[in-house]
C-alpha atoms as a PDB file:
ATOM      1  CA  UNK A   1      29.929 -29.031  27.134  1.00  0.00           C
ATOM      2  CA  UNK A   2      30.987 -27.085  23.968  1.00  0.00           C
ATOM      3  CA  UNK A   3      28.470 -28.950  21.732  1.00  0.00           C
ATOM      4  CA  UNK A   4      25.964 -27.458  24.286  1.00  0.00           C
ATOM      5  CA  UNK A   5      26.823 -23.965  23.728  1.00  0.00           C
ATOM      6  CA  UNK A   6      26.773 -24.462  19.936  1.00  0.00           C
ATOM      7  CA  UNK A   7      22.731 -25.756  20.612  1.00  0.00           C
ATOM      8  CA  UNK A   8      22.221 -23.008  22.589  1.00  0.00           C
ATOM      9  CA  UNK A   9      23.478 -20.314  19.988  1.00  0.00           C
ATOM     10  CA  UNK A  10      21.394 -21.762  17.370  1.00  0.00           C
ATOM     11  CA  UNK A  11      18.249 -22.093  19.023  1.00  0.00           C
ATOM     12  CA  UNK A  12      18.558 -18.386  19.929  1.00  0.00           C
ATOM     13  CA  UNK A  13      18.925 -17.393  16.395  1.00  0.00           C
ATOM     14  CA  UNK A  14      16.260 -19.580  15.462  1.00  0.00           C
ATOM     15  CA  UNK A  15      13.717 -17.871  18.357  1.00  0.00           C
ATOM     16  CA  UNK A  16      15.006 -14.419  17.195  1.00  0.00           C
ATOM     17  CA  UNK A  17      14.439 -15.282  13.533  1.00  0.00           C
ATOM     18  CA  UNK A  18      10.668 -16.266  14.281  1.00  0.00           C
ATOM     19  CA  UNK A  19      10.445 -13.283  16.775  1.00  0.00           C
ATOM     20  CA  UNK A  20      11.294 -10.738  14.437  1.00  0.00           C
ATOM     21  CA  UNK A  21       9.362 -12.248  11.377  1.00  0.00           C
ATOM     22  CA  UNK A  22       6.148 -13.235  13.564  1.00  0.00           C
ATOM     23  CA  UNK A  23       4.623  -9.014  13.840  1.00  0.00           C
ATOM     24  CA  UNK A  24       5.187  -8.508  10.133  1.00  0.00           C
ATOM     25  CA  UNK A  25       3.441 -11.740   9.050  1.00  0.00           C
ATOM     26  CA  UNK A  26       0.822 -10.653  10.255  1.00  0.00           C
ATOM     27  CA  UNK A  27       0.250  -7.197   9.184  1.00  0.00           C
ATOM     28  CA  UNK A  28      -0.603  -6.349   5.011  1.00  0.00           C
ATOM     29  CA  UNK A  29       1.726  -7.387   2.909  1.00  0.00           C
ATOM     30  CA  UNK A  30       2.862  -4.164   1.279  1.00  0.00           C
ATOM     31  CA  UNK A  31       5.626  -5.582  -1.227  1.00  0.00           C
ATOM     32  CA  UNK A  32       5.606  -9.541  -0.791  1.00  0.00           C
ATOM     33  CA  UNK A  33       3.263 -11.912  -1.087  1.00  0.00           C
ATOM     34  CA  UNK A  34       0.512 -12.469   0.916  1.00  0.00           C
ATOM     35  CA  UNK A  35       0.810 -16.063   0.888  1.00  0.00           C
ATOM     36  CA  UNK A  36       3.254 -18.534  -0.862  1.00  0.00           C
ATOM     37  CA  UNK A  37       6.979 -17.667  -1.602  1.00  0.00           C
ATOM     38  CA  UNK A  38       8.977 -16.272  -4.408  1.00  0.00           C
ATOM     39  CA  UNK A  39      12.551 -17.338  -5.660  1.00  0.00           C
ATOM     40  CA  UNK A  40      14.225 -14.912  -7.412  1.00  0.00           C
ATOM     41  CA  UNK A  41      17.118 -16.053  -9.273  1.00  0.00           C
ATOM     42  CA  UNK A  42      20.247 -13.796 -10.945  1.00  0.00           C
ATOM     43  CA  UNK A  43      21.067 -16.000 -13.853  1.00  0.00           C
ATOM     44  CA  UNK A  44      23.362 -19.179 -14.647  1.00  0.00           C
ATOM     45  CA  UNK A  45      21.501 -21.842 -12.518  1.00  0.00           C
ATOM     46  CA  UNK A  46      24.104 -23.474 -11.247  1.00  0.00           C
ATOM     47  CA  UNK A  47      23.500 -23.785  -7.061  1.00  0.00           C
ATOM     48  CA  UNK A  48      21.611 -26.852  -6.772  1.00  0.00           C
ATOM     49  CA  UNK A  49      20.642 -25.891  -3.692  1.00  0.00           C
ATOM     50  CA  UNK A  50      18.465 -23.267  -5.331  1.00  0.00           C
ATOM     51  CA  UNK A  51      16.436 -25.510  -7.612  1.00  0.00           C
ATOM     52  CA  UNK A  52      16.101 -27.766  -4.196  1.00  0.00           C
ATOM     53  CA  UNK A  53      14.835 -25.038  -2.087  1.00  0.00           C
ATOM     54  CA  UNK A  54      11.912 -23.945  -5.046  1.00  0.00           C
ATOM     55  CA  UNK A  55      11.135 -27.769  -4.976  1.00  0.00           C
ATOM     56  CA  UNK A  56      10.730 -27.887  -0.941  1.00  0.00           C
ATOM     57  CA  UNK A  57       8.660 -24.567  -0.946  1.00  0.00           C
ATOM     58  CA  UNK A  58       6.747 -26.607  -3.891  1.00  0.00           C
ATOM     59  CA  UNK A  59       5.787 -29.396  -1.456  1.00  0.00           C
ATOM     60  CA  UNK A  60       8.478 -31.519  -2.668  1.00  0.00           C
ATOM     61  CA  UNK A  61       9.137 -34.224  -4.816  1.00  0.00           C
ATOM     62  CA  UNK A  62       5.461 -34.810  -6.067  1.00  0.00           C
ATOM     63  CA  UNK A  63       4.329 -31.366  -6.561  1.00  0.00           C
ATOM     64  CA  UNK A  64       3.187 -30.299  -9.727  1.00  0.00           C
ATOM     65  CA  UNK A  65       5.345 -27.457 -11.223  1.00  0.00           C
ATOM     66  CA  UNK A  66       4.993 -25.629 -14.466  1.00  0.00           C
ATOM     67  CA  UNK A  67       8.114 -24.055 -16.128  1.00  0.00           C
ATOM     68  CA  UNK A  68       6.932 -21.243 -18.953  1.00  0.00           C
ATOM     69  CA  UNK A  69      10.281 -20.765 -20.894  1.00  0.00           C
ATOM     70  CA  UNK A  70       8.613 -18.167 -23.203  1.00  0.00           C
ATOM     71  CA  UNK A  71      11.618 -15.741 -22.396  1.00  0.00           C
ATOM     72  CA  UNK A  72      13.939 -17.985 -24.549  1.00  0.00           C
ATOM     73  CA  UNK A  73      12.002 -16.888 -27.743  1.00  0.00           C
ATOM     74  CA  UNK A  74      11.806 -20.407 -29.589  1.00  0.00           C
ATOM     75  CA  UNK A  75       8.711 -21.399 -31.432  1.00  0.00           C
ATOM     76  CA  UNK A  76       7.446 -24.303 -29.797  1.00  0.00           C
ATOM     77  CA  UNK A  77       9.019 -26.302 -26.607  1.00  0.00           C
ATOM     78  CA  UNK A  78       7.974 -29.664 -25.305  1.00  0.00           C
ATOM     79  CA  UNK A  79       8.267 -32.023 -22.479  1.00  0.00           C
ATOM     80  CA  UNK A  80      11.603 -33.063 -23.335  1.00  0.00           C
ATOM     81  CA  UNK A  81      12.810 -29.123 -22.874  1.00  0.00           C
ATOM     82  CA  UNK A  82      16.123 -29.254 -21.440  1.00  0.00           C
ATOM     83  CA  UNK A  83      15.304 -26.713 -18.794  1.00  0.00           C
ATOM     84  CA  UNK A  84      13.430 -29.472 -16.853  1.00  0.00           C
ATOM     85  CA  UNK A  85      16.934 -31.090 -16.412  1.00  0.00           C
ATOM     86  CA  UNK A  86      17.785 -29.012 -12.894  1.00  0.00           C
ATOM     87  CA  UNK A  87      14.210 -29.974 -11.541  1.00  0.00           C
ATOM     88  CA  UNK A  88      14.208 -33.605 -12.480  1.00  0.00           C
ATOM     89  CA  UNK A  89      17.935 -33.730 -10.601  1.00  0.00           C
ATOM     90  CA  UNK A  90      16.135 -31.774  -7.610  1.00  0.00           C
ATOM     91  CA  UNK A  91      13.848 -34.693  -7.519  1.00  0.00           C
ATOM     92  CA  UNK A  92      10.725 -33.088  -9.242  1.00  0.00           C
ATOM     93  CA  UNK A  93       8.698 -35.666 -10.759  1.00  0.00           C
ATOM     94  CA  UNK A  94       5.390 -33.944 -11.839  1.00  0.00           C
ATOM     95  CA  UNK A  95       6.454 -31.443 -14.462  1.00  0.00           C
ATOM     96  CA  UNK A  96       4.716 -29.772 -17.527  1.00  0.00           C
ATOM     97  CA  UNK A  97       5.750 -27.439 -20.022  1.00  0.00           C
ATOM     98  CA  UNK A  98       3.638 -24.002 -20.905  1.00  0.00           C
ATOM     99  CA  UNK A  99       4.209 -21.781 -24.020  1.00  0.00           C
ATOM    100  CA  UNK A 100       2.452 -19.646 -26.174  1.00  0.00           C
ATOM    101  CA  UNK A 101       3.474 -16.138 -27.580  1.00  0.00           C
ATOM    102  CA  UNK A 102      -0.398 -15.740 -28.713  1.00  0.00           C
ATOM    103  CA  UNK A 103      -2.547 -13.564 -25.937  1.00  0.00           C
ATOM    104  CA  UNK A 104      -5.314 -15.197 -26.927  1.00  0.00           C
ATOM    105  CA  UNK A 105      -4.199 -18.297 -26.152  1.00  0.00           C
ATOM    106  CA  UNK A 106      -3.038 -17.175 -23.166  1.00  0.00           C
ATOM    107  CA  UNK A 107      -6.669 -16.213 -22.038  1.00  0.00           C
ATOM    108  CA  UNK A 108      -8.208 -19.503 -22.714  1.00  0.00           C
ATOM    109  CA  UNK A 109      -9.190 -21.420 -19.564  1.00  0.00           C
ATOM    110  CA  UNK A 110      -7.830 -24.800 -21.242  1.00  0.00           C
ATOM    111  CA  UNK A 111      -4.358 -23.664 -21.818  1.00  0.00           C
ATOM    112  CA  UNK A 112      -3.832 -22.085 -18.295  1.00  0.00           C
ATOM    113  CA  UNK A 113      -5.329 -25.293 -16.545  1.00  0.00           C
ATOM    114  CA  UNK A 114      -2.113 -26.828 -15.607  1.00  0.00           C
ATOM    115  CA  UNK A 115      -1.630 -23.397 -13.610  1.00  0.00           C
ATOM    116  CA  UNK A 116      -4.662 -24.253 -11.796  1.00  0.00           C
ATOM    117  CA  UNK A 117      -3.380 -27.449 -10.305  1.00  0.00           C
ATOM    118  CA  UNK A 118       0.268 -26.219  -9.690  1.00  0.00           C
ATOM    119  CA  UNK A 119       1.921 -25.462  -6.513  1.00  0.00           C
ATOM    120  CA  UNK A 120       5.050 -24.092  -8.478  1.00  0.00           C
ATOM    121  CA  UNK A 121       5.596 -21.928 -11.479  1.00  0.00           C
ATOM    122  CA  UNK A 122       9.029 -21.147 -12.849  1.00  0.00           C
ATOM    123  CA  UNK A 123      10.297 -18.956 -15.801  1.00  0.00           C
ATOM    124  CA  UNK A 124      13.366 -19.931 -17.320  1.00  0.00           C
ATOM    125  CA  UNK A 125      15.650 -17.052 -18.723  1.00  0.00           C
ATOM    126  CA  UNK A 126      15.774 -15.231 -22.217  1.00  0.00           C
ATOM    127  CA  UNK A 127      14.031 -11.668 -22.930  1.00  0.00           C
ATOM    128  CA  UNK A 128      11.440 -10.722 -20.259  1.00  0.00           C
ATOM    129  CA  UNK A 129       9.639  -8.701 -22.848  1.00  0.00           C
ATOM    130  CA  UNK A 130       8.278 -11.705 -24.876  1.00  0.00           C
ATOM    131  CA  UNK A 131       6.982 -12.819 -21.606  1.00  0.00           C
ATOM    132  CA  UNK A 132       5.217  -9.695 -20.988  1.00  0.00           C
ATOM    133  CA  UNK A 133       4.124  -9.557 -24.276  1.00  0.00           C
ATOM    134  CA  UNK A 134       2.515 -13.212 -24.017  1.00  0.00           C
ATOM    135  CA  UNK A 135       1.258 -13.183 -20.454  1.00  0.00           C
ATOM    136  CA  UNK A 136       0.859  -9.659 -19.170  1.00  0.00           C
ATOM    137  CA  UNK A 137      -3.034  -9.173 -17.676  1.00  0.00           C
ATOM    138  CA  UNK A 138      -4.161 -12.238 -19.355  1.00  0.00           C
ATOM    139  CA  UNK A 139      -5.687 -15.364 -17.352  1.00  0.00           C
ATOM    140  CA  UNK A 140      -2.391 -17.429 -17.476  1.00  0.00           C
ATOM    141  CA  UNK A 141      -0.987 -13.965 -14.952  1.00  0.00           C
ATOM    142  CA  UNK A 142      -4.388 -14.313 -13.005  1.00  0.00           C
ATOM    143  CA  UNK A 143      -3.935 -18.141 -12.714  1.00  0.00           C
ATOM    144  CA  UNK A 144      -0.226 -17.764 -11.814  1.00  0.00           C
ATOM    145  CA  UNK A 145      -1.082 -15.384  -9.065  1.00  0.00           C
ATOM    146  CA  UNK A 146      -3.310 -17.902  -8.208  1.00  0.00           C
ATOM    147  CA  UNK A 147      -0.723 -20.226  -7.081  1.00  0.00           C
ATOM    148  CA  UNK A 148       0.996 -17.712  -5.044  1.00  0.00           C
ATOM    149  CA  UNK A 149      -2.762 -17.499  -2.866  1.00  0.00           C
ATOM    150  CA  UNK A 150      -2.826 -21.199  -2.635  1.00  0.00           C
ATOM    151  CA  UNK A 151       0.570 -21.195  -0.345  1.00  0.00           C
ATOM    152  CA  UNK A 152       2.719 -22.385  -3.687  1.00  0.00           C
ATOM    153  CA  UNK A 153       5.925 -20.786  -5.103  1.00  0.00           C
ATOM    154  CA  UNK A 154       6.419 -18.636  -8.371  1.00  0.00           C
ATOM    155  CA  UNK A 155      10.401 -18.124  -9.109  1.00  0.00           C
ATOM    156  CA  UNK A 156      12.761 -17.559 -12.420  1.00  0.00           C
ATOM    157  CA  UNK A 157      16.205 -16.538 -13.204  1.00  0.00           C
ATOM    158  CA  UNK A 158      17.355 -14.226 -15.211  1.00  0.00           C
ATOM    159  CA  UNK A 159      14.601 -12.671 -17.355  1.00  0.00           C
ATOM    160  CA  UNK A 160      12.161 -15.043 -15.143  1.00  0.00           C
ATOM    161  CA  UNK A 161      13.591 -12.957 -12.335  1.00  0.00           C
ATOM    162  CA  UNK A 162      13.084  -9.731 -13.712  1.00  0.00           C
ATOM    163  CA  UNK A 163       9.506 -10.239 -14.800  1.00  0.00           C
ATOM    164  CA  UNK A 164       8.623 -10.885 -11.270  1.00  0.00           C
ATOM    165  CA  UNK A 165       8.888  -7.074  -9.804  1.00  0.00           C
ATOM    166  CA  UNK A 166       6.796  -4.092 -11.140  1.00  0.00           C
ATOM    167  CA  UNK A 167       9.251  -2.245 -13.146  1.00  0.00           C
ATOM    168  CA  UNK A 168      10.370  -4.067 -15.903  1.00  0.00           C
ATOM    169  CA  UNK A 169      14.379  -2.797 -16.449  1.00  0.00           C
ATOM    170  CA  UNK A 170      16.246  -4.006 -19.738  1.00  0.00           C
ATOM    171  CA  UNK A 171      12.482  -4.657 -20.956  1.00  0.00           C
ATOM    172  CA  UNK A 172      13.678  -2.769 -24.389  1.00  0.00           C
ATOM    173  CA  UNK A 173      12.503  -5.096 -27.674  1.00  0.00           C
ATOM    174  CA  UNK A 174      15.578  -3.367 -29.437  1.00  0.00           C
ATOM    175  CA  UNK A 175      18.476  -4.734 -26.849  1.00  0.00           C
ATOM    176  CA  UNK A 176      19.019  -5.365 -23.011  1.00  0.00           C
ATOM    177  CA  UNK A 177      21.703  -2.385 -22.545  1.00  0.00           C
ATOM    178  CA  UNK A 178      18.607   0.140 -22.397  1.00  0.00           C
ATOM    179  CA  UNK A 179      17.174   0.198 -18.717  1.00  0.00           C
ATOM    180  CA  UNK A 180      13.749   1.976 -19.455  1.00  0.00           C
ATOM    181  CA  UNK A 181      12.803   0.813 -22.711  1.00  0.00           C
ATOM    182  CA  UNK A 182       9.758   0.177 -24.356  1.00  0.00           C
ATOM    183  CA  UNK A 183       8.209  -2.354 -22.201  1.00  0.00           C
ATOM    184  CA  UNK A 184       8.452  -1.109 -18.585  1.00  0.00           C
ATOM    185  CA  UNK A 185       5.673  -3.334 -16.614  1.00  0.00           C
ATOM    186  CA  UNK A 186       6.024  -6.695 -15.135  1.00  0.00           C
ATOM    187  CA  UNK A 187       3.973  -9.179 -13.395  1.00  0.00           C
ATOM    188  CA  UNK A 188       3.980  -6.938  -9.935  1.00  0.00           C
ATOM    189  CA  UNK A 189       4.405  -9.684  -7.499  1.00  0.00           C
ATOM    190  CA  UNK A 190       6.939  -8.068  -5.814  1.00  0.00           C
ATOM    191  CA  UNK A 191       5.413  -3.984  -5.722  1.00  0.00           C
ATOM    192  CA  UNK A 192       7.203  -1.141  -5.967  1.00  0.00           C
ATOM    193  CA  UNK A 193      10.485  -2.773  -7.330  1.00  0.00           C
ATOM    194  CA  UNK A 194      13.083  -3.225 -10.162  1.00  0.00           C
ATOM    195  CA  UNK A 195      15.093  -6.519 -10.306  1.00  0.00           C
ATOM    196  CA  UNK A 196      18.090  -6.583 -12.587  1.00  0.00           C
ATOM    197  CA  UNK A 197      20.041 -10.041 -12.834  1.00  0.00           C
ATOM    198  CA  UNK A 198      23.669 -11.337 -13.811  1.00  0.00           C
ATOM    199  CA  UNK A 199      24.832  -8.375 -12.039  1.00  0.00           C
ATOM    200  CA  UNK A 200      28.376  -8.808 -10.994  1.00  0.00           C
ATOM    201  CA  UNK A 201      28.940 -11.188 -13.962  1.00  0.00           C
ATOM    202  CA  UNK A 202      28.096  -8.817 -16.668  1.00  0.00           C
ATOM    203  CA  UNK A 203      29.119  -5.304 -14.651  1.00  0.00           C
ATOM    204  CA  UNK A 204      25.946  -4.290 -14.367  1.00  0.00           C
ATOM    205  CA  UNK A 205      26.270  -3.029 -10.774  1.00  0.00           C
ATOM    206  CA  UNK A 206      25.878   0.648 -11.669  1.00  0.00           C
ATOM    207  CA  UNK A 207      23.371   0.241 -14.228  1.00  0.00           C
ATOM    208  CA  UNK A 208      19.908   0.306 -11.451  1.00  0.00           C
ATOM    209  CA  UNK A 209      21.466   3.652 -10.009  1.00  0.00           C
ATOM    210  CA  UNK A 210      19.555   5.210 -13.215  1.00  0.00           C
ATOM    211  CA  UNK A 211      16.241   4.050 -12.829  1.00  0.00           C
ATOM    212  CA  UNK A 212      16.136   4.865  -8.815  1.00  0.00           C
ATOM    213  CA  UNK A 213      17.074   8.009  -9.937  1.00  0.00           C
ATOM    214  CA  UNK A 214      14.268   8.478 -12.491  1.00  0.00           C
ATOM    215  CA  UNK A 215      11.553   6.619 -10.034  1.00  0.00           C
ATOM    216  CA  UNK A 216      12.792   7.299  -6.438  1.00  0.00           C
ATOM    217  CA  UNK A 217       9.820   5.288  -4.631  1.00  0.00           C
ATOM    218  CA  UNK A 218      11.323   2.120  -6.398  1.00  0.00           C
ATOM    219  CA  UNK A 219      13.367  -0.308  -4.509  1.00  0.00           C
ATOM    220  CA  UNK A 220      16.150  -1.665  -6.556  1.00  0.00           C
ATOM    221  CA  UNK A 221      17.657  -5.061  -6.216  1.00  0.00           C
ATOM    222  CA  UNK A 222      20.193  -6.872  -8.142  1.00  0.00           C
ATOM    223  CA  UNK A 223      21.239 -10.158  -8.068  1.00  0.00           C
ATOM    224  CA  UNK A 224      24.061 -11.749  -9.249  1.00  0.00           C
ATOM    225  CA  UNK A 225      24.505 -15.098 -10.980  1.00  0.00           C
ATOM    226  CA  UNK A 226      24.097 -18.378  -8.816  1.00  0.00           C
ATOM    227  CA  UNK A 227      22.251 -16.528  -6.182  1.00  0.00           C
ATOM    228  CA  UNK A 228      18.904 -15.847  -5.298  1.00  0.00           C
ATOM    229  CA  UNK A 229      16.360 -14.312  -2.839  1.00  0.00           C
ATOM    230  CA  UNK A 230      13.669 -16.220  -1.005  1.00  0.00           C
ATOM    231  CA  UNK A 231      10.887 -14.020  -0.322  1.00  0.00           C
ATOM    232  CA  UNK A 232       8.257 -14.849   2.048  1.00  0.00           C
ATOM    233  CA  UNK A 233       5.316 -12.215   3.093  1.00  0.00           C
ATOM    234  CA  UNK A 234       7.632  -8.798   3.192  1.00  0.00           C
ATOM    235  CA  UNK A 235      11.019 -10.224   3.670  1.00  0.00           C
ATOM    236  CA  UNK A 236      13.428 -12.040   1.789  1.00  0.00           C
ATOM    237  CA  UNK A 237      16.554 -14.040   2.618  1.00  0.00           C
ATOM    238  CA  UNK A 238      19.747 -14.601   0.782  1.00  0.00           C
ATOM    239  CA  UNK A 239      20.975 -17.476  -0.509  1.00  0.00           C
ATOM    240  CA  UNK A 240      23.819 -18.521  -3.294  1.00  0.00           C
ATOM    241  CA  UNK A 241      27.452 -18.351  -4.004  1.00  0.00           C
ATOM    242  CA  UNK A 242      27.194 -14.366  -4.723  1.00  0.00           C
ATOM    243  CA  UNK A 243      25.591 -11.003  -3.998  1.00  0.00           C
ATOM    244  CA  UNK A 244      22.346  -9.376  -3.869  1.00  0.00           C
ATOM    245  CA  UNK A 245      22.472  -5.500  -4.143  1.00  0.00           C
ATOM    246  CA  UNK A 246      20.116  -3.049  -3.097  1.00  0.00           C
ATOM    247  CA  UNK A 247      19.641   0.552  -4.145  1.00  0.00           C
ATOM    248  CA  UNK A 248      17.117   2.681  -2.110  1.00  0.00           C
ATOM    249  CA  UNK A 249      16.914   6.634  -2.871  1.00  0.00           C
ATOM    250  CA  UNK A 250      16.664   7.343   0.770  1.00  0.00           C
ATOM    251  CA  UNK A 251      19.776   5.155   1.847  1.00  0.00           C
ATOM    252  CA  UNK A 252      23.129   6.170   1.892  1.00  0.00           C
ATOM    253  CA  UNK A 253      26.584   4.201   2.501  1.00  0.00           C
ATOM    254  CA  UNK A 254      27.866   6.451   5.092  1.00  0.00           C
ATOM    255  CA  UNK A 255      30.772   6.975   2.701  1.00  0.00           C
ATOM    256  CA  UNK A 256      28.154   7.667   0.214  1.00  0.00           C
ATOM    257  CA  UNK A 257      27.661   5.494  -2.056  1.00  0.00           C
ATOM    258  CA  UNK A 258      24.618   4.459  -3.405  1.00  0.00           C
ATOM    259  CA  UNK A 259      24.298   0.517  -2.875  1.00  0.00           C
ATOM    260  CA  UNK A 260      25.551  -2.190  -0.885  1.00  0.00           C
ATOM    261  CA  UNK A 261      25.864  -5.895  -0.292  1.00  0.00           C
ATOM    262  CA  UNK A 262      24.117  -8.745   1.087  1.00  0.00           C
ATOM    263  CA  UNK A 263      25.646 -12.204   1.181  1.00  0.00           C
ATOM    264  CA  UNK A 264      24.351 -15.457   1.943  1.00  0.00           C
ATOM    265  CA  UNK A 265      22.320 -15.558   4.803  1.00  0.00           C
ATOM    266  CA  UNK A 266      21.398 -11.764   5.021  1.00  0.00           C
ATOM    267  CA  UNK A 267      17.771 -10.874   5.183  1.00  0.00           C
ATOM    268  CA  UNK A 268      16.021  -7.923   4.191  1.00  0.00           C
ATOM    269  CA  UNK A 269      12.469  -6.645   5.572  1.00  0.00           C
ATOM    270  CA  UNK A 270      11.207  -5.204   2.435  1.00  0.00           C
ATOM    271  CA  UNK A 271       8.553  -2.895   3.897  1.00  0.00           C
ATOM    272  CA  UNK A 272      10.458  -1.161   6.685  1.00  0.00           C
ATOM    273  CA  UNK A 273      13.838  -1.271   3.787  1.00  0.00           C
ATOM    274  CA  UNK A 274      16.157  -2.260   6.444  1.00  0.00           C
ATOM    275  CA  UNK A 275      18.479  -5.312   6.052  1.00  0.00           C
ATOM    276  CA  UNK A 276      19.825  -7.441   8.350  1.00  0.00           C
ATOM    277  CA  UNK A 277      22.796  -9.655   9.322  1.00  0.00           C
ATOM    278  CA  UNK A 278      21.890 -12.796  11.558  1.00  0.00           C
ATOM    279  CA  UNK A 279      24.230 -12.939  14.388  1.00  0.00           C
ATOM    280  CA  UNK A 280      23.943 -13.562  18.271  1.00  0.00           C
ATOM    281  CA  UNK A 281      22.720 -10.205  18.575  1.00  0.00           C
ATOM    282  CA  UNK A 282      20.324  -9.033  16.065  1.00  0.00           C
ATOM    283  CA  UNK A 283      21.965  -5.486  14.465  1.00  0.00           C
ATOM    284  CA  UNK A 284      21.164  -3.568  11.688  1.00  0.00           C
ATOM    285  CA  UNK A 285      23.622  -3.336   8.997  1.00  0.00           C
ATOM    286  CA  UNK A 286      25.784  -0.237  10.654  1.00  0.00           C
ATOM    287  CA  UNK A 287      26.867   1.816   7.629  1.00  0.00           C
ATOM    288  CA  UNK A 288      23.866   2.330   5.697  1.00  0.00           C
ATOM    289  CA  UNK A 289      22.294   5.891   6.552  1.00  0.00           C
ATOM    290  CA  UNK A 290      18.376   7.038   6.188  1.00  0.00           C
ATOM    291  CA  UNK A 291      19.770  10.368   3.732  1.00  0.00           C
ATOM    292  CA  UNK A 292      18.258  11.160   0.385  1.00  0.00           C
ATOM    293  CA  UNK A 293      20.466  10.784  -2.782  1.00  0.00           C
ATOM    294  CA  UNK A 294      22.056  13.944  -3.366  1.00  0.00           C
ATOM    295  CA  UNK A 295      20.821  15.632  -6.857  1.00  0.00           C
ATOM    296  CA  UNK A 296      23.684  15.712  -9.357  1.00  0.00           C
END
């Protein structure tokens, strides 16, 4: 009898999730990708479940995956790049490393050829401005967008997470402590967003406030280490070991706080800017109120 109750509750939750997502899925995507998925990780990458989810979204062990380690600042990278180990441990068998710092090369159809068959693209960490310098506005970026259009997955960790947003925080070439520096444009696979990483581990939880005050239309998303958001359409789900933090200029906590935390399993509607905790009865977060940030 007890097991039947458990099964019934699980089915109820699953049906509610599908019902909640379906109307948004048929609407025009405003923030996330119209097809495919994003896996955006806050750094460290010690949780194998995150890589396993990425490989699954790419299509499984045989899916072609391209890894682009350019943010790391190395002169060359080859097929022995150590960053491939996590993907091999997750069962991925078709892995290609792609790297250049030359924008002419990044515009060469021969160089970007592996992306035309890829089902997954991954950006490891380093400095996000290196990715912008090498690939922003090039054929490589176009081909990565094509991976999403074919229903594939694009992801990244640390710098590889931040580049996926539209506004490039910590993009200054001098130091990563400047939030609004000499590089401010990301790839924009998540539109109207600014993504920060290593959030709690490096005590960065207050840093995005500056960016959102300067650009109140942006949604700030801070992600701690070993934690990810998995974006499909205009929704994401939190997975991993720690927290995701939301900065929305039009919402405060009822105590006046300018950001709030999401944990594993929590979901977020990017279009409506509404957080949800999946329970037997769906309820919005009860402490988040629609109120514009007060002027300082």
